[in-house]
């Protein structure tokens, strides 16, 4: 049988997942039509923004996880969304938060390995407007996306 796993993973990351209405209905002891109606309403109201798969990242070759703390230069400090939107285009950057405290931005990055991460830092994140980068490497993830890991 044809191996389409990489294509499926890509689609799942883009939100091509659906809720398991029959399982939800059984668990809640409610009719599937009631579950479906309520889910559709929440989607229309943008309460539910997307569905996505939760992966064992080591098994899909994205096991190197880091949190990147970024300090911006004074001339970019007033518009951190501009830099965040540029960085958000890269698939290795899983999330970006603009924050207060010792840094202006926190990125969660998933890469194949240290070498891929290094290239991302060198070619993407080290850009005009970024004056300091501090990396925190995740050694072991215990819980992700509301799912406890083994």
N, C-alpha and C. Protein backbone atom coordinates (compact mmCIF):
# COMPACT_ATOMS: atom_id res chain seq x y z
N UNK A 1 0.84 -1.18 0.00
CA UNK A 1 0.00 0.00 0.00
C UNK A 1 0.88 1.25 0.00
N UNK A 2 0.44 2.28 -0.63
CA UNK A 2 1.17 3.53 -0.80
C UNK A 2 1.32 4.25 0.54
N UNK A 3 2.53 4.72 0.84
CA UNK A 3 2.79 5.46 2.08
C UNK A 3 2.56 6.95 1.83
N UNK A 4 1.47 7.47 2.38
CA UNK A 4 1.15 8.90 2.22
C UNK A 4 1.23 9.63 3.57
N UNK A 5 1.92 9.02 4.54
CA UNK A 5 2.01 9.59 5.88
C UNK A 5 2.51 11.04 5.87
N UNK A 6 3.59 11.39 5.16
CA UNK A 6 4.04 12.78 5.18
C UNK A 6 2.97 13.77 4.68
N UNK A 7 2.23 13.38 3.66
CA UNK A 7 1.17 14.26 3.16
C UNK A 7 0.05 14.42 4.18
N UNK A 8 -0.31 13.31 4.84
CA UNK A 8 -1.35 13.38 5.87
C UNK A 8 -0.92 14.26 7.03
N UNK A 9 0.32 14.13 7.47
CA UNK A 9 0.82 14.95 8.57
C UNK A 9 0.72 16.42 8.21
N UNK A 10 1.11 16.77 6.99
CA UNK A 10 1.01 18.16 6.53
C UNK A 10 -0.41 18.68 6.57
N UNK A 11 -1.35 17.87 6.09
CA UNK A 11 -2.76 18.29 6.11
C UNK A 11 -3.30 18.41 7.53
N UNK A 12 -2.93 17.46 8.39
CA UNK A 12 -3.38 17.53 9.79
C UNK A 12 -2.86 18.79 10.46
N UNK A 13 -1.63 19.19 10.14
CA UNK A 13 -1.07 20.41 10.72
C UNK A 13 -1.81 21.65 10.24
N UNK A 14 -2.41 21.58 9.05
CA UNK A 14 -3.16 22.70 8.50
C UNK A 14 -4.60 22.73 9.00
N UNK A 15 -5.00 21.74 9.79
CA UNK A 15 -6.34 21.76 10.35
C UNK A 15 -7.31 20.82 9.68
N UNK A 16 -6.84 19.91 8.86
CA UNK A 16 -7.73 18.95 8.19
C UNK A 16 -8.03 17.77 9.10
N UNK A 17 -8.63 18.07 10.24
CA UNK A 17 -9.07 17.05 11.18
C UNK A 17 -10.53 17.33 11.50
N UNK A 18 -11.25 16.33 11.88
CA UNK A 18 -12.65 16.53 12.22
C UNK A 18 -12.94 15.91 13.58
N UNK A 19 -13.93 16.45 14.29
CA UNK A 19 -14.28 15.84 15.58
C UNK A 19 -14.94 14.48 15.36
N UNK A 20 -14.78 13.61 16.31
CA UNK A 20 -15.36 12.27 16.25
C UNK A 20 -16.73 12.33 16.92
N UNK A 21 -17.72 12.73 16.15
CA UNK A 21 -19.05 13.01 16.69
C UNK A 21 -19.67 11.79 17.35
N UNK A 22 -19.54 10.63 16.75
CA UNK A 22 -20.13 9.42 17.33
C UNK A 22 -19.52 9.11 18.70
N UNK A 23 -18.21 9.25 18.81
CA UNK A 23 -17.55 9.01 20.11
C UNK A 23 -17.98 10.03 21.16
N UNK A 24 -18.09 11.29 20.73
CA UNK A 24 -18.51 12.35 21.66
C UNK A 24 -19.94 12.09 22.13
N UNK A 25 -20.81 11.74 21.19
CA UNK A 25 -22.21 11.48 21.53
C UNK A 25 -22.33 10.33 22.53
N UNK A 26 -21.57 9.29 22.32
CA UNK A 26 -21.61 8.14 23.23
C UNK A 26 -21.12 8.54 24.62
N UNK A 27 -20.03 9.28 24.65
CA UNK A 27 -19.46 9.71 25.94
C UNK A 27 -20.39 10.65 26.69
N UNK A 28 -21.06 11.57 25.96
CA UNK A 28 -21.93 12.54 26.61
C UNK A 28 -23.37 12.04 26.79
N UNK A 29 -23.65 10.88 26.17
CA UNK A 29 -25.01 10.32 26.20
C UNK A 29 -26.02 11.33 25.64
N UNK A 30 -25.65 11.89 24.50
CA UNK A 30 -26.50 12.84 23.75
C UNK A 30 -26.59 12.36 22.31
N UNK A 31 -27.67 12.71 21.61
CA UNK A 31 -27.77 12.31 20.20
C UNK A 31 -26.67 12.96 19.35
N UNK A 32 -26.21 12.22 18.35
CA UNK A 32 -25.16 12.73 17.45
C UNK A 32 -25.61 14.01 16.76
N UNK A 33 -26.89 14.14 16.44
CA UNK A 33 -27.38 15.36 15.78
C UNK A 33 -27.23 16.57 16.69
N UNK A 34 -27.46 16.39 17.99
CA UNK A 34 -27.30 17.49 18.95
C UNK A 34 -25.84 17.91 19.03
N UNK A 35 -24.95 16.92 19.08
CA UNK A 35 -23.50 17.21 19.12
C UNK A 35 -23.10 17.95 17.85
N UNK A 36 -23.52 17.44 16.70
CA UNK A 36 -23.16 18.05 15.41
C UNK A 36 -23.66 19.50 15.34
N UNK A 37 -24.90 19.74 15.73
CA UNK A 37 -25.47 21.09 15.69
C UNK A 37 -24.65 22.05 16.56
N UNK A 38 -24.34 21.63 17.78
CA UNK A 38 -23.61 22.50 18.70
C UNK A 38 -22.18 22.76 18.22
N UNK A 39 -21.54 21.75 17.67
CA UNK A 39 -20.19 21.95 17.14
C UNK A 39 -20.22 22.93 15.96
N UNK A 40 -21.15 22.75 15.05
CA UNK A 40 -21.27 23.66 13.89
C UNK A 40 -21.50 25.09 14.35
N UNK A 41 -22.35 25.27 15.35
CA UNK A 41 -22.62 26.61 15.88
C UNK A 41 -21.34 27.22 16.48
N UNK A 42 -20.59 26.43 17.23
CA UNK A 42 -19.34 26.94 17.81
C UNK A 42 -18.32 27.28 16.71
N UNK A 43 -18.30 26.51 15.64
CA UNK A 43 -17.41 26.82 14.51
C UNK A 43 -17.82 28.14 13.86
N UNK A 44 -19.12 28.33 13.63
CA UNK A 44 -19.62 29.57 13.01
C UNK A 44 -19.34 30.79 13.86
N UNK A 45 -19.37 30.62 15.19
CA UNK A 45 -19.11 31.73 16.12
C UNK A 45 -17.61 31.90 16.38
N UNK A 46 -16.77 31.11 15.72
CA UNK A 46 -15.32 31.12 15.89
C UNK A 46 -14.87 30.80 17.32
N UNK A 47 -15.72 30.08 18.05
CA UNK A 47 -15.31 29.56 19.35
C UNK A 47 -14.29 28.46 19.11
N UNK A 48 -14.57 27.61 18.13
CA UNK A 48 -13.62 26.59 17.67
C UNK A 48 -12.97 27.14 16.42
N UNK A 49 -11.67 27.32 16.46
CA UNK A 49 -10.97 27.91 15.32
C UNK A 49 -10.47 26.87 14.35
N UNK A 50 -10.04 25.70 14.85
CA UNK A 50 -9.57 24.64 13.97
C UNK A 50 -9.48 23.35 14.76
N UNK A 51 -9.27 22.28 14.06
CA UNK A 51 -9.00 20.98 14.66
C UNK A 51 -7.62 20.56 14.18
N UNK A 52 -6.86 19.94 15.07
CA UNK A 52 -5.56 19.48 14.63
C UNK A 52 -5.18 18.21 15.37
N UNK A 53 -4.31 17.48 14.76
CA UNK A 53 -3.80 16.26 15.37
C UNK A 53 -2.71 16.62 16.37
N UNK A 54 -2.58 15.82 17.41
CA UNK A 54 -1.49 15.96 18.36
C UNK A 54 -0.52 14.82 18.08
N UNK A 55 0.70 15.17 17.73
CA UNK A 55 1.68 14.21 17.25
C UNK A 55 2.65 13.78 18.34
N UNK A 56 3.25 12.63 18.14
CA UNK A 56 4.48 12.26 18.83
C UNK A 56 5.57 12.81 17.91
N UNK A 57 6.09 13.98 18.24
CA UNK A 57 6.95 14.72 17.33
C UNK A 57 8.23 13.99 16.96
N UNK A 58 8.73 13.14 17.83
CA UNK A 58 9.93 12.38 17.49
C UNK A 58 9.64 11.45 16.30
N UNK A 59 8.43 10.91 16.25
CA UNK A 59 8.07 9.97 15.19
C UNK A 59 7.83 10.64 13.85
N UNK A 60 7.63 11.96 13.85
CA UNK A 60 7.46 12.66 12.57
C UNK A 60 8.66 13.56 12.26
N UNK A 61 9.78 13.25 12.91
CA UNK A 61 11.06 13.92 12.64
C UNK A 61 11.06 15.40 13.02
N UNK A 62 10.37 15.73 14.11
CA UNK A 62 10.39 17.10 14.63
C UNK A 62 10.60 17.08 16.13
N UNK A 63 11.53 16.24 16.58
CA UNK A 63 11.73 16.01 18.00
C UNK A 63 12.55 17.05 18.75
N UNK A 64 13.19 17.98 18.04
CA UNK A 64 14.00 19.00 18.70
C UNK A 64 13.11 20.22 18.94
N UNK A 65 12.78 20.46 20.21
CA UNK A 65 11.86 21.54 20.56
C UNK A 65 12.58 22.58 21.40
N UNK A 66 12.42 23.85 21.03
CA UNK A 66 13.03 24.94 21.78
C UNK A 66 12.03 26.07 21.97
N UNK A 67 12.28 26.84 23.00
CA UNK A 67 11.56 28.09 23.21
C UNK A 67 12.59 29.19 23.02
N UNK A 68 12.26 30.15 22.19
CA UNK A 68 13.20 31.20 21.84
C UNK A 68 12.68 32.52 22.40
N UNK A 69 13.47 33.13 23.29
CA UNK A 69 13.12 34.42 23.87
C UNK A 69 13.83 35.49 23.06
N UNK A 70 13.06 36.46 22.59
CA UNK A 70 13.61 37.48 21.68
C UNK A 70 13.45 38.87 22.28
N UNK A 71 14.54 39.64 22.21
CA UNK A 71 14.50 41.06 22.53
C UNK A 71 14.59 41.84 21.23
N UNK A 72 13.74 42.85 21.11
CA UNK A 72 13.69 43.66 19.90
C UNK A 72 14.47 44.96 20.09
N UNK A 73 14.94 45.50 18.99
CA UNK A 73 15.62 46.79 19.02
C UNK A 73 14.58 47.88 19.31
N UNK A 74 15.01 49.01 19.85
CA UNK A 74 14.06 50.08 20.16
C UNK A 74 13.22 50.55 18.97
N UNK A 75 13.80 50.53 17.76
CA UNK A 75 13.04 50.98 16.60
C UNK A 75 11.95 49.98 16.18
N UNK A 76 12.04 48.72 16.62
CA UNK A 76 11.02 47.70 16.31
C UNK A 76 10.10 47.42 17.49
N UNK A 77 10.44 47.93 18.65
CA UNK A 77 9.71 47.63 19.87
C UNK A 77 8.24 48.05 19.78
N UNK A 78 7.98 49.12 19.08
CA UNK A 78 6.61 49.64 18.99
C UNK A 78 5.68 48.82 18.12
N UNK A 79 6.23 47.93 17.27
CA UNK A 79 5.38 47.14 16.38
C UNK A 79 5.86 45.69 16.31
N UNK A 80 5.76 44.96 17.43
CA UNK A 80 6.25 43.58 17.42
C UNK A 80 5.42 42.66 16.51
N UNK A 81 4.17 43.03 16.23
CA UNK A 81 3.34 42.21 15.35
C UNK A 81 3.94 42.08 13.96
N UNK A 82 4.63 43.11 13.50
CA UNK A 82 5.25 43.08 12.17
C UNK A 82 6.27 41.95 12.08
N UNK A 83 7.16 41.87 13.06
CA UNK A 83 8.17 40.81 13.07
C UNK A 83 7.51 39.46 13.30
N UNK A 84 6.55 39.42 14.20
CA UNK A 84 5.85 38.15 14.51
C UNK A 84 5.18 37.58 13.26
N UNK A 85 4.54 38.43 12.47
CA UNK A 85 3.87 37.95 11.26
C UNK A 85 4.86 37.44 10.23
N UNK A 86 6.02 38.06 10.14
CA UNK A 86 7.05 37.58 9.22
C UNK A 86 7.58 36.22 9.66
N UNK A 87 7.82 36.07 10.97
CA UNK A 87 8.33 34.80 11.49
C UNK A 87 7.28 33.68 11.41
N UNK A 88 6.02 34.04 11.53
CA UNK A 88 4.93 33.05 11.52
C UNK A 88 4.83 32.30 10.20
N UNK A 89 5.45 32.79 9.17
CA UNK A 89 5.40 32.14 7.85
C UNK A 89 6.20 30.84 7.81
N UNK A 90 7.08 30.63 8.78
CA UNK A 90 7.97 29.46 8.76
C UNK A 90 7.33 28.30 9.52
N UNK A 91 7.22 27.14 8.88
CA UNK A 91 6.52 26.01 9.50
C UNK A 91 7.18 25.48 10.78
N UNK A 92 8.48 25.71 10.94
CA UNK A 92 9.16 25.24 12.15
C UNK A 92 8.74 26.05 13.38
N UNK A 93 8.24 27.25 13.17
CA UNK A 93 7.82 28.11 14.28
C UNK A 93 6.36 27.78 14.58
N UNK A 94 6.17 27.06 15.67
CA UNK A 94 4.85 26.53 16.02
C UNK A 94 3.95 27.59 16.66
N UNK A 95 4.53 28.46 17.47
CA UNK A 95 3.73 29.52 18.09
C UNK A 95 4.60 30.73 18.37
N UNK A 96 3.93 31.88 18.43
CA UNK A 96 4.60 33.14 18.73
C UNK A 96 3.72 33.91 19.69
N UNK A 97 4.30 34.33 20.80
CA UNK A 97 3.58 35.14 21.77
C UNK A 97 4.34 36.44 21.98
N UNK A 98 3.63 37.55 21.96
CA UNK A 98 4.20 38.84 22.32
C UNK A 98 3.93 38.98 23.81
N UNK A 99 4.95 39.36 24.56
CA UNK A 99 4.80 39.30 26.01
C UNK A 99 5.48 40.48 26.70
N UNK A 100 5.33 40.50 28.01
CA UNK A 100 6.00 41.50 28.84
C UNK A 100 7.10 40.80 29.63
N UNK A 101 7.93 41.57 30.27
CA UNK A 101 8.98 40.99 31.09
C UNK A 101 10.35 41.21 30.48
N UNK A 102 11.20 40.20 30.58
CA UNK A 102 12.58 40.33 30.13
C UNK A 102 12.74 40.22 28.61
N UNK A 103 11.70 39.81 27.91
CA UNK A 103 11.77 39.73 26.45
C UNK A 103 10.45 40.20 25.87
N UNK A 104 10.46 40.49 24.58
CA UNK A 104 9.25 40.99 23.93
C UNK A 104 8.48 39.90 23.20
N UNK A 105 9.14 38.79 22.92
CA UNK A 105 8.51 37.75 22.13
C UNK A 105 9.03 36.38 22.55
N UNK A 106 8.13 35.38 22.55
CA UNK A 106 8.53 33.99 22.80
C UNK A 106 8.06 33.15 21.63
N UNK A 107 8.97 32.38 21.06
CA UNK A 107 8.65 31.47 19.97
C UNK A 107 8.78 30.04 20.46
N UNK A 108 7.89 29.18 19.99
CA UNK A 108 8.06 27.74 20.19
C UNK A 108 8.44 27.18 18.84
N UNK A 109 9.60 26.54 18.79
CA UNK A 109 10.16 26.05 17.53
C UNK A 109 10.29 24.54 17.59
N UNK A 110 9.88 23.87 16.52
CA UNK A 110 10.07 22.42 16.38
C UNK A 110 10.91 22.19 15.13
N UNK A 111 11.98 21.45 15.31
CA UNK A 111 12.88 21.16 14.19
C UNK A 111 13.28 19.69 14.24
N UNK A 112 13.84 19.24 13.16
CA UNK A 112 14.32 17.86 13.07
C UNK A 112 15.43 17.61 14.09
N UNK A 113 16.37 18.55 14.15
CA UNK A 113 17.53 18.38 15.02
C UNK A 113 18.18 19.73 15.28
N UNK A 114 19.28 19.70 16.00
CA UNK A 114 20.00 20.92 16.35
C UNK A 114 20.49 21.66 15.11
N UNK A 115 20.91 20.94 14.11
CA UNK A 115 21.41 21.57 12.88
C UNK A 115 20.30 22.35 12.17
N UNK A 116 19.12 21.78 12.06
CA UNK A 116 18.01 22.50 11.42
C UNK A 116 17.64 23.73 12.24
N UNK A 117 17.65 23.60 13.56
CA UNK A 117 17.37 24.75 14.42
C UNK A 117 18.41 25.85 14.23
N UNK A 118 19.67 25.46 14.19
CA UNK A 118 20.76 26.42 13.99
C UNK A 118 20.55 27.20 12.69
N UNK A 119 20.21 26.51 11.62
CA UNK A 119 19.98 27.19 10.33
C UNK A 119 18.79 28.14 10.40
N UNK A 120 17.75 27.77 11.15
CA UNK A 120 16.60 28.67 11.31
C UNK A 120 17.03 29.93 12.07
N UNK A 121 17.80 29.77 13.12
CA UNK A 121 18.29 30.93 13.88
C UNK A 121 19.15 31.82 12.98
N UNK A 122 20.07 31.19 12.29
CA UNK A 122 21.03 31.93 11.46
C UNK A 122 20.35 32.64 10.29
N UNK A 123 19.41 31.98 9.62
CA UNK A 123 18.86 32.52 8.38
C UNK A 123 17.51 33.22 8.53
N UNK A 124 16.79 32.99 9.62
CA UNK A 124 15.44 33.55 9.74
C UNK A 124 15.30 34.44 10.97
N UNK A 125 15.60 33.89 12.13
CA UNK A 125 15.30 34.62 13.37
C UNK A 125 16.30 35.74 13.62
N UNK A 126 17.57 35.53 13.28
CA UNK A 126 18.58 36.60 13.42
C UNK A 126 18.38 37.56 12.26
N UNK A 127 17.60 38.56 12.49
CA UNK A 127 17.24 39.52 11.45
C UNK A 127 17.29 40.92 12.03
N UNK A 128 17.16 41.90 11.15
CA UNK A 128 17.14 43.29 11.61
C UNK A 128 15.96 43.48 12.57
N UNK A 129 16.21 44.11 13.66
CA UNK A 129 15.16 44.35 14.65
C UNK A 129 15.26 43.42 15.84
N UNK A 130 15.95 42.29 15.68
CA UNK A 130 16.15 41.36 16.79
C UNK A 130 17.55 41.60 17.34
N UNK A 131 17.64 42.01 18.61
CA UNK A 131 18.96 42.32 19.17
C UNK A 131 19.49 41.25 20.11
N UNK A 132 18.60 40.38 20.62
CA UNK A 132 19.07 39.32 21.51
C UNK A 132 18.16 38.12 21.39
N UNK A 133 18.77 36.93 21.34
CA UNK A 133 18.04 35.67 21.26
C UNK A 133 18.54 34.77 22.38
N UNK A 134 17.61 34.22 23.13
CA UNK A 134 17.96 33.26 24.17
C UNK A 134 17.15 32.00 23.91
N UNK A 135 17.82 30.87 23.88
CA UNK A 135 17.17 29.59 23.58
C UNK A 135 17.05 28.75 24.83
N UNK A 136 15.85 28.21 25.05
CA UNK A 136 15.60 27.23 26.09
C UNK A 136 15.24 25.94 25.38
N UNK A 137 16.03 24.90 25.56
CA UNK A 137 15.79 23.64 24.88
C UNK A 137 14.95 22.73 25.76
N UNK A 138 13.88 22.19 25.20
CA UNK A 138 13.03 21.25 25.91
C UNK A 138 13.73 19.90 25.96
N UNK A 139 13.88 19.36 27.15
CA UNK A 139 14.52 18.06 27.30
C UNK A 139 13.51 16.92 27.20
N UNK A 140 12.31 17.14 27.74
CA UNK A 140 11.26 16.13 27.69
C UNK A 140 9.92 16.82 27.88
N UNK A 141 8.99 16.51 27.01
CA UNK A 141 7.66 17.10 27.12
C UNK A 141 6.74 16.15 27.87
N UNK A 142 6.07 16.66 28.88
CA UNK A 142 5.20 15.85 29.72
C UNK A 142 3.74 15.97 29.27
N UNK A 143 3.35 17.15 28.79
CA UNK A 143 1.97 17.37 28.37
C UNK A 143 1.98 18.35 27.20
N UNK A 144 1.19 18.06 26.18
CA UNK A 144 1.07 18.95 25.04
C UNK A 144 -0.37 18.95 24.55
N UNK A 145 -0.86 20.12 24.18
CA UNK A 145 -2.20 20.22 23.62
C UNK A 145 -3.23 19.40 24.41
N UNK A 146 -3.14 19.48 25.72
CA UNK A 146 -4.10 18.82 26.63
C UNK A 146 -3.97 17.30 26.63
N UNK A 147 -2.86 16.78 26.11
CA UNK A 147 -2.65 15.34 26.09
C UNK A 147 -1.37 15.03 26.85
N UNK A 148 -1.48 14.16 27.85
CA UNK A 148 -0.26 13.76 28.57
C UNK A 148 0.53 12.80 27.69
N UNK A 149 1.86 13.00 27.70
CA UNK A 149 2.72 12.11 26.92
C UNK A 149 3.15 10.95 27.80
N UNK A 150 3.68 9.95 27.14
CA UNK A 150 4.11 8.75 27.89
C UNK A 150 5.46 8.93 28.50
